[in-house]
PDB file of all heavy atoms in Angstrom:
ATOM      1  N   ASP A   1      -0.154 -10.138  -4.672  1.00  0.00           N
ATOM      2  CA  ASP A   1      -0.065 -10.802  -3.369  1.00  0.00           C
ATOM      3  C   ASP A   1      -0.296  -9.817  -2.222  1.00  0.00           C
ATOM      4  O   ASP A   1      -0.961 -10.137  -1.232  1.00  0.00           O
ATOM      5  CB  ASP A   1       1.304 -11.465  -3.209  1.00  0.00           C
ATOM      6  CG  ASP A   1       1.445 -12.732  -4.034  1.00  0.00           C
ATOM      7  OD1 ASP A   1       0.412 -13.323  -4.394  1.00  0.00           O
ATOM      8  OD2 ASP A   1       2.594 -13.117  -4.331  1.00  0.00           O
ATOM      9  N   HIS A   2       0.280  -8.617  -2.351  1.00  0.00           N
ATOM     10  CA  HIS A   2       0.103  -7.617  -1.300  1.00  0.00           C
ATOM     11  C   HIS A   2      -1.369  -7.248  -1.145  1.00  0.00           C
ATOM     12  O   HIS A   2      -1.887  -7.207  -0.015  1.00  0.00           O
ATOM     13  CB  HIS A   2       0.922  -6.372  -1.612  1.00  0.00           C
ATOM     14  CG  HIS A   2       0.614  -5.224  -0.700  1.00  0.00           C
ATOM     15  ND1 HIS A   2       1.060  -5.165   0.601  1.00  0.00           N
ATOM     16  CD2 HIS A   2      -0.132  -4.089  -0.894  1.00  0.00           C
ATOM     17  CE1 HIS A   2       0.624  -4.052   1.166  1.00  0.00           C
ATOM     18  NE2 HIS A   2      -0.105  -3.385   0.292  1.00  0.00           N
ATOM     19  N   TYR A   3      -2.022  -6.983  -2.241  1.00  0.00           N
ATOM     20  CA  TYR A   3      -3.424  -6.571  -2.147  1.00  0.00           C
ATOM     21  C   TYR A   3      -4.306  -7.689  -1.617  1.00  0.00           C
ATOM     22  O   TYR A   3      -5.284  -7.436  -0.902  1.00  0.00           O
ATOM     23  CB  TYR A   3      -3.917  -6.055  -3.500  1.00  0.00           C
ATOM     24  CG  TYR A   3      -3.701  -4.570  -3.640  1.00  0.00           C
ATOM     25  CD1 TYR A   3      -2.445  -4.060  -3.967  1.00  0.00           C
ATOM     26  CD2 TYR A   3      -4.725  -3.676  -3.415  1.00  0.00           C
ATOM     27  CE1 TYR A   3      -2.226  -2.706  -4.076  1.00  0.00           C
ATOM     28  CE2 TYR A   3      -4.524  -2.305  -3.516  1.00  0.00           C
ATOM     29  CZ  TYR A   3      -3.271  -1.828  -3.844  1.00  0.00           C
ATOM     30  OH  TYR A   3      -3.051  -0.472  -3.928  1.00  0.00           O
ATOM     31  N   ALA A   4      -3.980  -8.930  -1.952  1.00  0.00           N
ATOM     32  CA  ALA A   4      -4.741 -10.045  -1.382  1.00  0.00           C
ATOM     33  C   ALA A   4      -4.525 -10.135   0.123  1.00  0.00           C
ATOM     34  O   ALA A   4      -5.459 -10.398   0.886  1.00  0.00           O
ATOM     35  CB  ALA A   4      -4.334 -11.354  -2.057  1.00  0.00           C
ATOM     36  N   ALA A   5      -3.295  -9.883   0.564  1.00  0.00           N
ATOM     37  CA  ALA A   5      -2.981 -10.013   1.991  1.00  0.00           C
ATOM     38  C   ALA A   5      -3.673  -8.953   2.840  1.00  0.00           C
ATOM     39  O   ALA A   5      -3.998  -9.209   4.006  1.00  0.00           O
ATOM     40  CB  ALA A   5      -1.459  -9.937   2.192  1.00  0.00           C
ATOM     41  N   VAL A   6      -3.899  -7.764   2.279  1.00  0.00           N
ATOM     42  CA  VAL A   6      -4.481  -6.665   3.066  1.00  0.00           C
ATOM     43  C   VAL A   6      -5.855  -6.257   2.537  1.00  0.00           C
ATOM     44  O   VAL A   6      -6.345  -5.172   2.846  1.00  0.00           O
ATOM     45  CB  VAL A   6      -3.532  -5.449   3.087  1.00  0.00           C
ATOM     46  CG1 VAL A   6      -2.226  -5.803   3.788  1.00  0.00           C
ATOM     47  CG2 VAL A   6      -3.266  -4.920   1.685  1.00  0.00           C
ATOM     48  N   GLN A   7      -6.506  -7.131   1.779  1.00  0.00           N
ATOM     49  CA  GLN A   7      -7.761  -6.745   1.144  1.00  0.00           C
ATOM     50  C   GLN A   7      -8.859  -6.405   2.146  1.00  0.00           C
ATOM     51  O   GLN A   7      -9.696  -5.534   1.889  1.00  0.00           O
ATOM     52  CB  GLN A   7      -8.237  -7.845   0.192  1.00  0.00           C
ATOM     53  CG  GLN A   7      -8.563  -9.162   0.848  1.00  0.00           C
ATOM     54  CD  GLN A   7      -8.860 -10.251  -0.177  1.00  0.00           C
ATOM     55  OE1 GLN A   7      -8.551 -10.131  -1.368  1.00  0.00           O
ATOM     56  NE2 GLN A   7      -9.483 -11.340   0.276  1.00  0.00           N
ATOM     57  N   ASP A   8      -8.871  -7.060   3.291  1.00  0.00           N
ATOM     58  CA  ASP A   8      -9.918  -6.755   4.265  1.00  0.00           C
ATOM     59  C   ASP A   8      -9.793  -5.325   4.790  1.00  0.00           C
ATOM     60  O   ASP A   8     -10.797  -4.704   5.168  1.00  0.00           O
ATOM     61  CB  ASP A   8      -9.863  -7.738   5.440  1.00  0.00           C
ATOM     62  CG  ASP A   8     -10.273  -9.138   5.034  1.00  0.00           C
ATOM     63  OD1 ASP A   8     -10.792  -9.291   3.909  1.00  0.00           O
ATOM     64  OD2 ASP A   8     -10.082 -10.074   5.828  1.00  0.00           O
ATOM     65  N   GLN A   9      -8.565  -4.793   4.819  1.00  0.00           N
ATOM     66  CA  GLN A   9      -8.365  -3.416   5.241  1.00  0.00           C
ATOM     67  C   GLN A   9      -8.623  -2.437   4.106  1.00  0.00           C
ATOM     68  O   GLN A   9      -9.272  -1.393   4.289  1.00  0.00           O
ATOM     69  CB  GLN A   9      -6.937  -3.219   5.751  1.00  0.00           C
ATOM     70  CG  GLN A   9      -6.622  -1.770   6.135  1.00  0.00           C
ATOM     71  CD  GLN A   9      -5.136  -1.532   6.399  1.00  0.00           C
ATOM     72  OE1 GLN A   9      -4.293  -2.339   6.019  1.00  0.00           O
ATOM     73  NE2 GLN A   9      -4.828  -0.413   7.038  1.00  0.00           N
ATOM     74  N   LEU A  10      -8.107  -2.750   2.895  1.00  0.00           N
ATOM     75  CA  LEU A  10      -8.125  -1.772   1.816  1.00  0.00           C
ATOM     76  C   LEU A  10      -9.429  -1.736   1.027  1.00  0.00           C
ATOM     77  O   LEU A  10      -9.891  -0.647   0.635  1.00  0.00           O
ATOM     78  CB  LEU A  10      -6.962  -2.033   0.859  1.00  0.00           C
ATOM     79  CG  LEU A  10      -5.548  -1.818   1.402  1.00  0.00           C
ATOM     80  CD1 LEU A  10      -4.528  -2.019   0.294  1.00  0.00           C
ATOM     81  CD2 LEU A  10      -5.405  -0.442   2.029  1.00  0.00           C
ATOM     82  N   ALA A  11     -10.020  -2.891   0.759  1.00  0.00           N
ATOM     83  CA  ALA A  11     -11.189  -2.912  -0.120  1.00  0.00           C
ATOM     84  C   ALA A  11     -12.332  -2.033   0.375  1.00  0.00           C
ATOM     85  O   ALA A  11     -12.971  -1.342  -0.428  1.00  0.00           O
ATOM     86  CB  ALA A  11     -11.665  -4.351  -0.335  1.00  0.00           C
ATOM     87  N   PRO A  12     -12.636  -2.002   1.679  1.00  0.00           N
ATOM     88  CA  PRO A  12     -13.738  -1.142   2.120  1.00  0.00           C
ATOM     89  C   PRO A  12     -13.486   0.352   1.933  1.00  0.00           C
ATOM     90  O   PRO A  12     -14.427   1.145   2.015  1.00  0.00           O
ATOM     91  CB  PRO A  12     -13.874  -1.485   3.611  1.00  0.00           C
ATOM     92  CG  PRO A  12     -13.279  -2.844   3.757  1.00  0.00           C
ATOM     93  CD  PRO A  12     -12.144  -2.853   2.786  1.00  0.00           C
ATOM     94  N   LEU A  13     -12.227   0.753   1.681  1.00  0.00           N
ATOM     95  CA  LEU A  13     -11.929   2.171   1.494  1.00  0.00           C
ATOM     96  C   LEU A  13     -12.344   2.670   0.124  1.00  0.00           C
ATOM     97  O   LEU A  13     -12.524   3.878  -0.072  1.00  0.00           O
ATOM     98  CB  LEU A  13     -10.426   2.420   1.670  1.00  0.00           C
ATOM     99  CG  LEU A  13      -9.791   1.972   2.989  1.00  0.00           C
ATOM    100  CD1 LEU A  13      -8.275   2.147   2.920  1.00  0.00           C
ATOM    101  CD2 LEU A  13     -10.363   2.755   4.157  1.00  0.00           C
ATOM    102  N   ALA A  14     -12.454   1.769  -0.838  1.00  0.00           N
ATOM    103  CA  ALA A  14     -12.701   2.159  -2.225  1.00  0.00           C
ATOM    104  C   ALA A  14     -14.172   2.453  -2.458  1.00  0.00           C
ATOM    105  O   ALA A  14     -15.060   1.872  -1.825  1.00  0.00           O
ATOM    106  CB  ALA A  14     -12.225   1.058  -3.169  1.00  0.00           C
ATOM    107  N   GLY A  15     -14.423   3.330  -3.399  1.00  0.00           N
ATOM    108  CA  GLY A  15     -15.783   3.671  -3.794  1.00  0.00           C
ATOM    109  C   GLY A  15     -15.759   4.897  -4.673  1.00  0.00           C
ATOM    110  O   GLY A  15     -14.693   5.491  -4.906  1.00  0.00           O
ATOM    111  N   PRO A  16     -16.888   5.290  -5.212  1.00  0.00           N
ATOM    112  CA  PRO A  16     -16.914   6.446  -6.116  1.00  0.00           C
ATOM    113  C   PRO A  16     -16.248   7.675  -5.508  1.00  0.00           C
ATOM    114  O   PRO A  16     -16.623   8.150  -4.448  1.00  0.00           O
ATOM    115  CB  PRO A  16     -18.413   6.669  -6.342  1.00  0.00           C
ATOM    116  CG  PRO A  16     -19.001   5.292  -6.210  1.00  0.00           C
ATOM    117  CD  PRO A  16     -18.213   4.651  -5.102  1.00  0.00           C
ATOM    118  N   GLY A  17     -15.200   8.153  -6.183  1.00  0.00           N
ATOM    119  CA  GLY A  17     -14.463   9.323  -5.736  1.00  0.00           C
ATOM    120  C   GLY A  17     -13.212   9.038  -4.951  1.00  0.00           C
ATOM    121  O   GLY A  17     -12.410   9.954  -4.714  1.00  0.00           O
ATOM    122  N   HIS A  18     -12.983   7.760  -4.565  1.00  0.00           N
ATOM    123  CA  HIS A  18     -11.803   7.449  -3.729  1.00  0.00           C
ATOM    124  C   HIS A  18     -11.409   5.995  -3.949  1.00  0.00           C
ATOM    125  O   HIS A  18     -12.165   5.078  -3.683  1.00  0.00           O
ATOM    126  CB  HIS A  18     -12.093   7.727  -2.251  1.00  0.00           C
ATOM    127  CG  HIS A  18     -13.445   7.293  -1.783  1.00  0.00           C
ATOM    128  ND1 HIS A  18     -13.664   6.119  -1.101  1.00  0.00           N
ATOM    129  CD2 HIS A  18     -14.661   7.867  -1.908  1.00  0.00           C
ATOM    130  CE1 HIS A  18     -14.951   5.986  -0.812  1.00  0.00           C
ATOM    131  NE2 HIS A  18     -15.577   7.038  -1.301  1.00  0.00           N
ATOM    132  N   TRP A  19     -10.158   5.786  -4.424  1.00  0.00           N
ATOM    133  CA  TRP A  19      -9.738   4.469  -4.912  1.00  0.00           C
ATOM    134  C   TRP A  19      -8.346   4.101  -4.420  1.00  0.00           C
ATOM    135  O   TRP A  19      -7.450   4.946  -4.372  1.00  0.00           O
ATOM    136  CB  TRP A  19      -9.736   4.464  -6.448  1.00  0.00           C
ATOM    137  CG  TRP A  19     -10.997   4.983  -7.034  1.00  0.00           C
ATOM    138  CD1 TRP A  19     -11.219   6.245  -7.528  1.00  0.00           C
ATOM    139  CD2 TRP A  19     -12.234   4.272  -7.167  1.00  0.00           C
ATOM    140  NE1 TRP A  19     -12.508   6.355  -7.964  1.00  0.00           N
ATOM    141  CE2 TRP A  19     -13.162   5.167  -7.759  1.00  0.00           C
ATOM    142  CE3 TRP A  19     -12.641   2.974  -6.848  1.00  0.00           C
ATOM    143  CZ2 TRP A  19     -14.479   4.804  -8.028  1.00  0.00           C
ATOM    144  CZ3 TRP A  19     -13.958   2.602  -7.122  1.00  0.00           C
ATOM    145  CH2 TRP A  19     -14.851   3.504  -7.703  1.00  0.00           C
ATOM    146  N   ASN A  20      -8.155   2.821  -4.115  1.00  0.00           N
ATOM    147  CA  ASN A  20      -6.809   2.272  -3.932  1.00  0.00           C
ATOM    148  C   ASN A  20      -6.123   2.188  -5.296  1.00  0.00           C
ATOM    149  O   ASN A  20      -6.738   1.796  -6.293  1.00  0.00           O
ATOM    150  CB  ASN A  20      -6.890   0.865  -3.324  1.00  0.00           C
ATOM    151  CG  ASN A  20      -7.424   0.878  -1.911  1.00  0.00           C
ATOM    152  OD1 ASN A  20      -6.810   1.436  -1.011  1.00  0.00           O
ATOM    153  ND2 ASN A  20      -8.582   0.261  -1.697  1.00  0.00           N
ATOM    154  N   ASP A  21      -4.845   2.522  -5.321  1.00  0.00           N
ATOM    155  CA  ASP A  21      -4.098   2.564  -6.584  1.00  0.00           C
ATOM    156  C   ASP A  21      -2.888   1.633  -6.518  1.00  0.00           C
ATOM    157  O   ASP A  21      -1.882   1.960  -5.890  1.00  0.00           O
ATOM    158  CB  ASP A  21      -3.641   4.004  -6.851  1.00  0.00           C
ATOM    159  CG  ASP A  21      -2.845   4.139  -8.136  1.00  0.00           C
ATOM    160  OD1 ASP A  21      -2.792   3.173  -8.921  1.00  0.00           O
ATOM    161  OD2 ASP A  21      -2.266   5.227  -8.356  1.00  0.00           O
ATOM    162  N   PRO A  22      -2.954   0.466  -7.165  1.00  0.00           N
ATOM    163  CA  PRO A  22      -1.809  -0.452  -7.160  1.00  0.00           C
ATOM    164  C   PRO A  22      -0.728  -0.101  -8.169  1.00  0.00           C
ATOM    165  O   PRO A  22       0.203  -0.875  -8.353  1.00  0.00           O
ATOM    166  CB  PRO A  22      -2.463  -1.800  -7.492  1.00  0.00           C
ATOM    167  CG  PRO A  22      -3.643  -1.443  -8.329  1.00  0.00           C
ATOM    168  CD  PRO A  22      -4.138  -0.127  -7.800  1.00  0.00           C
ATOM    169  N   ASP A  23      -0.843   1.042  -8.819  1.00  0.00           N
ATOM    170  CA  ASP A  23       0.150   1.599  -9.736  1.00  0.00           C
ATOM    171  C   ASP A  23      -0.178   1.253 -11.185  1.00  0.00           C
ATOM    172  O   ASP A  23      -1.180   0.638 -11.498  1.00  0.00           O
ATOM    173  CB  ASP A  23       1.572   1.188  -9.360  1.00  0.00           C
ATOM    174  CG  ASP A  23       2.607   2.264  -9.702  1.00  0.00           C
ATOM    175  OD1 ASP A  23       2.220   3.324 -10.226  1.00  0.00           O
ATOM    176  OD2 ASP A  23       3.800   2.058  -9.432  1.00  0.00           O
ATOM    177  N   MET A  24       0.725   1.653 -12.071  1.00  0.00           N
ATOM    178  CA  MET A  24       0.444   1.718 -13.504  1.00  0.00           C
ATOM    179  C   MET A  24       0.274   0.353 -14.164  1.00  0.00           C
ATOM    180  O   MET A  24       0.788  -0.665 -13.696  1.00  0.00           O
ATOM    181  CB  MET A  24       1.589   2.461 -14.196  1.00  0.00           C
ATOM    182  CG  MET A  24       1.730   3.915 -13.808  1.00  0.00           C
ATOM    183  SD  MET A  24       3.375   4.601 -14.173  1.00  0.00           S
ATOM    184  CE  MET A  24       4.324   3.992 -12.774  1.00  0.00           C
ATOM    185  N   LEU A  25      -0.417   0.367 -15.293  1.00  0.00           N
ATOM    186  CA  LEU A  25      -0.452  -0.779 -16.193  1.00  0.00           C
ATOM    187  C   LEU A  25       0.834  -0.781 -17.011  1.00  0.00           C
ATOM    188  O   LEU A  25       1.157   0.211 -17.667  1.00  0.00           O
ATOM    189  CB  LEU A  25      -1.653  -0.692 -17.134  1.00  0.00           C
ATOM    190  CG  LEU A  25      -3.041  -0.731 -16.499  1.00  0.00           C
ATOM    191  CD1 LEU A  25      -4.102  -0.451 -17.561  1.00  0.00           C
ATOM    192  CD2 LEU A  25      -3.307  -2.075 -15.826  1.00  0.00           C
ATOM    193  N   ILE A  26       1.555  -1.900 -16.989  1.00  0.00           N
ATOM    194  CA  ILE A  26       2.793  -2.003 -17.769  1.00  0.00           C
ATOM    195  C   ILE A  26       2.584  -2.839 -19.027  1.00  0.00           C
ATOM    196  O   ILE A  26       3.535  -3.234 -19.693  1.00  0.00           O
ATOM    197  CB  ILE A  26       3.939  -2.581 -16.916  1.00  0.00           C
ATOM    198  CG1 ILE A  26       3.582  -3.969 -16.384  1.00  0.00           C
ATOM    199  CG2 ILE A  26       4.270  -1.629 -15.771  1.00  0.00           C
ATOM    200  CD1 ILE A  26       4.769  -4.686 -15.766  1.00  0.00           C
ATOM    201  N   ILE A  27       1.336  -3.068 -19.368  1.00  0.00           N
ATOM    202  CA  ILE A  27       0.963  -3.872 -20.534  1.00  0.00           C
ATOM    203  C   ILE A  27       1.523  -3.230 -21.810  1.00  0.00           C
ATOM    204  O   ILE A  27       1.329  -2.042 -22.055  1.00  0.00           O
ATOM    205  CB  ILE A  27      -0.568  -3.987 -20.609  1.00  0.00           C
ATOM    206  CG1 ILE A  27      -1.091  -4.768 -19.399  1.00  0.00           C
ATOM    207  CG2 ILE A  27      -1.011  -4.621 -21.916  1.00  0.00           C
ATOM    208  CD1 ILE A  27      -2.578  -4.614 -19.160  1.00  0.00           C
ATOM    209  N   GLY A  28       2.230  -4.044 -22.603  1.00  0.00           N
ATOM    210  CA  GLY A  28       2.775  -3.569 -23.865  1.00  0.00           C
ATOM    211  C   GLY A  28       4.228  -3.171 -23.803  1.00  0.00           C
ATOM    212  O   GLY A  28       4.813  -2.800 -24.837  1.00  0.00           O
ATOM    213  N   ASN A  29       4.842  -3.243 -22.622  1.00  0.00           N
ATOM    214  CA  ASN A  29       6.264  -2.927 -22.513  1.00  0.00           C
ATOM    215  C   ASN A  29       7.100  -4.180 -22.781  1.00  0.00           C
ATOM    216  O   ASN A  29       6.917  -4.842 -23.782  1.00  0.00           O
ATOM    217  CB  ASN A  29       6.553  -2.301 -21.148  1.00  0.00           C
ATOM    218  CG  ASN A  29       5.984  -0.895 -21.044  1.00  0.00           C
ATOM    219  OD1 ASN A  29       5.959  -0.159 -22.023  1.00  0.00           O
ATOM    220  ND2 ASN A  29       5.518  -0.519 -19.876  1.00  0.00           N
ATOM    221  N   PHE A  30       8.005  -4.525 -21.890  1.00  0.00           N
ATOM    222  CA  PHE A  30       8.968  -5.592 -22.172  1.00  0.00           C
ATOM    223  C   PHE A  30       8.877  -6.768 -21.211  1.00  0.00           C
ATOM    224  O   PHE A  30       9.375  -7.850 -21.518  1.00  0.00           O
ATOM    225  CB  PHE A  30      10.394  -5.021 -22.122  1.00  0.00           C
ATOM    226  CG  PHE A  30      10.551  -3.756 -22.905  1.00  0.00           C
ATOM    227  CD1 PHE A  30      10.667  -2.535 -22.257  1.00  0.00           C
ATOM    228  CD2 PHE A  30      10.558  -3.779 -24.282  1.00  0.00           C
ATOM    229  CE1 PHE A  30      10.798  -1.355 -22.970  1.00  0.00           C
ATOM    230  CE2 PHE A  30      10.693  -2.605 -25.016  1.00  0.00           C
ATOM    231  CZ  PHE A  30      10.805  -1.395 -24.360  1.00  0.00           C
ATOM    232  N   GLY A  31       8.243  -6.572 -20.039  1.00  0.00           N
ATOM    233  CA  GLY A  31       8.362  -7.553 -18.974  1.00  0.00           C
ATOM    234  C   GLY A  31       7.251  -8.568 -18.858  1.00  0.00           C
ATOM    235  O   GLY A  31       7.409  -9.549 -18.129  1.00  0.00           O
ATOM    236  N   LEU A  32       6.116  -8.362 -19.542  1.00  0.00           N
ATOM    237  CA  LEU A  32       4.991  -9.280 -19.394  1.00  0.00           C
ATOM    238  C   LEU A  32       4.733 -10.054 -20.678  1.00  0.00           C
ATOM    239  O   LEU A  32       4.766  -9.489 -21.777  1.00  0.00           O
ATOM    240  CB  LEU A  32       3.704  -8.518 -19.027  1.00  0.00           C
ATOM    241  CG  LEU A  32       3.687  -7.719 -17.731  1.00  0.00           C
ATOM    242  CD1 LEU A  32       2.287  -7.163 -17.489  1.00  0.00           C
ATOM    243  CD2 LEU A  32       4.151  -8.547 -16.545  1.00  0.00           C
ATOM    244  N   SER A  33       4.456 -11.340 -20.512  1.00  0.00           N
ATOM    245  CA  SER A  33       3.959 -12.118 -21.636  1.00  0.00           C
ATOM    246  C   SER A  33       2.520 -11.702 -21.950  1.00  0.00           C
ATOM    247  O   SER A  33       1.890 -10.941 -21.202  1.00  0.00           O
ATOM    248  CB  SER A  33       4.000 -13.609 -21.302  1.00  0.00           C
ATOM    249  OG  SER A  33       3.001 -13.912 -20.330  1.00  0.00           O
ATOM    250  N   TYR A  34       1.986 -12.233 -23.029  1.00  0.00           N
ATOM    251  CA  TYR A  34       0.603 -11.934 -23.399  1.00  0.00           C
ATOM    252  C   TYR A  34      -0.359 -12.362 -22.294  1.00  0.00           C
ATOM    253  O   TYR A  34      -1.253 -11.599 -21.897  1.00  0.00           O
ATOM    254  CB  TYR A  34       0.277 -12.661 -24.708  1.00  0.00           C
ATOM    255  CG  TYR A  34      -1.149 -12.538 -25.151  1.00  0.00           C
ATOM    256  CD1 TYR A  34      -1.662 -11.324 -25.594  1.00  0.00           C
ATOM    257  CD2 TYR A  34      -1.992 -13.650 -25.136  1.00  0.00           C
ATOM    258  CE1 TYR A  34      -2.986 -11.215 -26.012  1.00  0.00           C
ATOM    259  CE2 TYR A  34      -3.308 -13.555 -25.548  1.00  0.00           C
ATOM    260  CZ  TYR A  34      -3.802 -12.332 -25.985  1.00  0.00           C
ATOM    261  OH  TYR A  34      -5.117 -12.234 -26.391  1.00  0.00           O
ATOM    262  N   ASP A  35      -0.175 -13.557 -21.753  1.00  0.00           N
ATOM    263  CA  ASP A  35      -1.068 -14.031 -20.695  1.00  0.00           C
ATOM    264  C   ASP A  35      -0.906 -13.222 -19.419  1.00  0.00           C
ATOM    265  O   ASP A  35      -1.879 -12.927 -18.722  1.00  0.00           O
ATOM    266  CB  ASP A  35      -0.815 -15.517 -20.411  1.00  0.00           C
ATOM    267  CG  ASP A  35      -1.498 -16.414 -21.431  1.00  0.00           C
ATOM    268  OD1 ASP A  35      -2.733 -16.477 -21.420  1.00  0.00           O
ATOM    269  OD2 ASP A  35      -0.784 -17.026 -22.240  1.00  0.00           O
ATOM    270  N   GLN A  36       0.320 -12.856 -19.087  1.00  0.00           N
ATOM    271  CA  GLN A  36       0.553 -12.047 -17.887  1.00  0.00           C
ATOM    272  C   GLN A  36      -0.059 -10.658 -18.036  1.00  0.00           C
ATOM    273  O   GLN A  36      -0.568 -10.086 -17.064  1.00  0.00           O
ATOM    274  CB  GLN A  36       2.051 -11.966 -17.608  1.00  0.00           C
ATOM    275  CG  GLN A  36       2.640 -13.289 -17.166  1.00  0.00           C
ATOM    276  CD  GLN A  36       4.157 -13.345 -17.276  1.00  0.00           C
ATOM    277  OE1 GLN A  36       4.786 -12.424 -17.822  1.00  0.00           O
ATOM    278  NE2 GLN A  36       4.760 -14.403 -16.768  1.00  0.00           N
ATOM    279  N   ALA A  37      -0.029 -10.118 -19.246  1.00  0.00           N
ATOM    280  CA  ALA A  37      -0.658  -8.820 -19.484  1.00  0.00           C
ATOM    281  C   ALA A  37      -2.165  -8.908 -19.272  1.00  0.00           C
ATOM    282  O   ALA A  37      -2.777  -8.006 -18.672  1.00  0.00           O
ATOM    283  CB  ALA A  37      -0.342  -8.342 -20.895  1.00  0.00           C
ATOM    284  N   LYS A  38      -2.786  -9.978 -19.747  1.00  0.00           N
ATOM    285  CA  LYS A  38      -4.219 -10.154 -19.498  1.00  0.00           C
ATOM    286  C   LYS A  38      -4.494 -10.272 -18.003  1.00  0.00           C
ATOM    287  O   LYS A  38      -5.503  -9.760 -17.503  1.00  0.00           O
ATOM    288  CB  LYS A  38      -4.745 -11.395 -20.239  1.00  0.00           C
ATOM    289  CG  LYS A  38      -4.808 -11.245 -21.738  1.00  0.00           C
ATOM    290  CD  LYS A  38      -5.705 -12.275 -22.385  1.00  0.00           C
ATOM    291  CE  LYS A  38      -5.211 -13.690 -22.198  1.00  0.00           C
ATOM    292  NZ  LYS A  38      -6.072 -14.668 -22.905  1.00  0.00           N
ATOM    293  N   THR A  39      -3.593 -10.946 -17.290  1.00  0.00           N
ATOM    294  CA  THR A  39      -3.773 -11.088 -15.843  1.00  0.00           C
ATOM    295  C   THR A  39      -3.744  -9.731 -15.154  1.00  0.00           C
ATOM    296  O   THR A  39      -4.588  -9.441 -14.299  1.00  0.00           O
ATOM    297  CB  THR A  39      -2.693 -12.011 -15.262  1.00  0.00           C
ATOM    298  OG1 THR A  39      -2.858 -13.327 -15.802  1.00  0.00           O
ATOM    299  CG2 THR A  39      -2.788 -12.074 -13.746  1.00  0.00           C
ATOM    300  N   GLN A  40      -2.778  -8.868 -15.497  1.00  0.00           N
ATOM    301  CA  GLN A  40      -2.761  -7.557 -14.861  1.00  0.00           C
ATOM    302  C   GLN A  40      -4.048  -6.792 -15.151  1.00  0.00           C
ATOM    303  O   GLN A  40      -4.653  -6.204 -14.244  1.00  0.00           O
ATOM    304  CB  GLN A  40      -1.558  -6.711 -15.304  1.00  0.00           C
ATOM    305  CG  GLN A  40      -1.477  -5.445 -14.444  1.00  0.00           C
ATOM    306  CD  GLN A  40      -0.461  -4.416 -14.884  1.00  0.00           C
ATOM    307  OE1 GLN A  40      -0.013  -4.400 -16.026  1.00  0.00           O
ATOM    308  NE2 GLN A  40      -0.099  -3.525 -13.969  1.00  0.00           N
ATOM    309  N   MET A  41      -4.494  -6.806 -16.398  1.00  0.00           N
ATOM    310  CA  MET A  41      -5.717  -6.081 -16.756  1.00  0.00           C
ATOM    311  C   MET A  41      -6.916  -6.618 -15.981  1.00  0.00           C
ATOM    312  O   MET A  41      -7.749  -5.848 -15.484  1.00  0.00           O
ATOM    313  CB  MET A  41      -5.950  -6.191 -18.258  1.00  0.00           C
ATOM    314  CG  MET A  41      -7.043  -5.295 -18.789  1.00  0.00           C
ATOM    315  SD  MET A  41      -6.521  -3.565 -18.807  1.00  0.00           S
ATOM    316  CE  MET A  41      -7.975  -2.804 -19.549  1.00  0.00           C
ATOM    317  N   ALA A  42      -6.989  -7.933 -15.845  1.00  0.00           N
ATOM    318  CA  ALA A  42      -8.129  -8.542 -15.155  1.00  0.00           C
ATOM    319  C   ALA A  42      -8.124  -8.235 -13.669  1.00  0.00           C
ATOM    320  O   ALA A  42      -9.142  -7.822 -13.100  1.00  0.00           O
ATOM    321  CB  ALA A  42      -8.118 -10.056 -15.387  1.00  0.00           C
ATOM    322  N   ILE A  43      -6.991  -8.444 -13.007  1.00  0.00           N
ATOM    323  CA  ILE A  43      -6.954  -8.260 -11.546  1.00  0.00           C
ATOM    324  C   ILE A  43      -7.092  -6.788 -11.189  1.00  0.00           C
ATOM    325  O   ILE A  43      -7.782  -6.436 -10.226  1.00  0.00           O
ATOM    326  CB  ILE A  43      -5.675  -8.864 -10.949  1.00  0.00           C
ATOM    327  CG1 ILE A  43      -5.605 -10.381 -11.242  1.00  0.00           C
ATOM    328  CG2 ILE A  43      -5.628  -8.623  -9.449  1.00  0.00           C
ATOM    329  CD1 ILE A  43      -6.777 -11.182 -10.697  1.00  0.00           C
ATOM    330  N   TRP A  44      -6.471  -5.884 -11.969  1.00  0.00           N
ATOM    331  CA  TRP A  44      -6.656  -4.455 -11.710  1.00  0.00           C
ATOM    332  C   TRP A  44      -8.143  -4.078 -11.836  1.00  0.00           C
ATOM    333  O   TRP A  44      -8.647  -3.275 -11.050  1.00  0.00           O
ATOM    334  CB  TRP A  44      -5.813  -3.624 -12.679  1.00  0.00           C
ATOM    335  CG  TRP A  44      -4.492  -3.153 -12.155  1.00  0.00           C
ATOM    336  CD1 TRP A  44      -4.045  -1.864 -12.132  1.00  0.00           C
ATOM    337  CD2 TRP A  44      -3.421  -3.938 -11.585  1.00  0.00           C
ATOM    338  NE1 TRP A  44      -2.774  -1.786 -11.600  1.00  0.00           N
ATOM    339  CE2 TRP A  44      -2.371  -3.050 -11.254  1.00  0.00           C
ATOM    340  CE3 TRP A  44      -3.246  -5.292 -11.333  1.00  0.00           C
ATOM    341  CZ2 TRP A  44      -1.179  -3.471 -10.669  1.00  0.00           C
ATOM    342  CZ3 TRP A  44      -2.067  -5.727 -10.757  1.00  0.00           C
ATOM    343  CH2 TRP A  44      -1.048  -4.831 -10.427  1.00  0.00           C
ATOM    344  N   SER A  45      -8.838  -4.673 -12.795  1.00  0.00           N
ATOM    345  CA  SER A  45     -10.259  -4.352 -12.959  1.00  0.00           C
ATOM    346  C   SER A  45     -11.096  -4.947 -11.839  1.00  0.00           C
ATOM    347  O   SER A  45     -12.051  -4.309 -11.365  1.00  0.00           O
ATOM    348  CB  SER A  45     -10.743  -4.849 -14.323  1.00  0.00           C
ATOM    349  OG  SER A  45     -10.083  -4.163 -15.376  1.00  0.00           O
ATOM    350  N   ILE A  46     -10.768  -6.136 -11.391  1.00  0.00           N
ATOM    351  CA  ILE A  46     -11.462  -6.713 -10.240  1.00  0.00           C
ATOM    352  C   ILE A  46     -11.246  -5.834  -9.004  1.00  0.00           C
ATOM    353  O   ILE A  46     -12.153  -5.652  -8.185  1.00  0.00           O
ATOM    354  CB  ILE A  46     -10.966  -8.145  -9.971  1.00  0.00           C
ATOM    355  CG1 ILE A  46     -11.428  -9.105 -11.072  1.00  0.00           C
ATOM    356  CG2 ILE A  46     -11.421  -8.633  -8.582  1.00  0.00           C
ATOM    357  CD1 ILE A  46     -12.894  -9.460 -11.046  1.00  0.00           C
TER     358      ILE A  46
END
């Protein structure tokens, strides 16, 4: 939600050599279902 709210500011900053970092992938731990894990992987890649 945060990244969607500020995407017009943050997205233009990204590019080869310099990236916005929304923090770690928690896939495979305890808090995400299988579908939620796919969602994190997908949105982080987008």
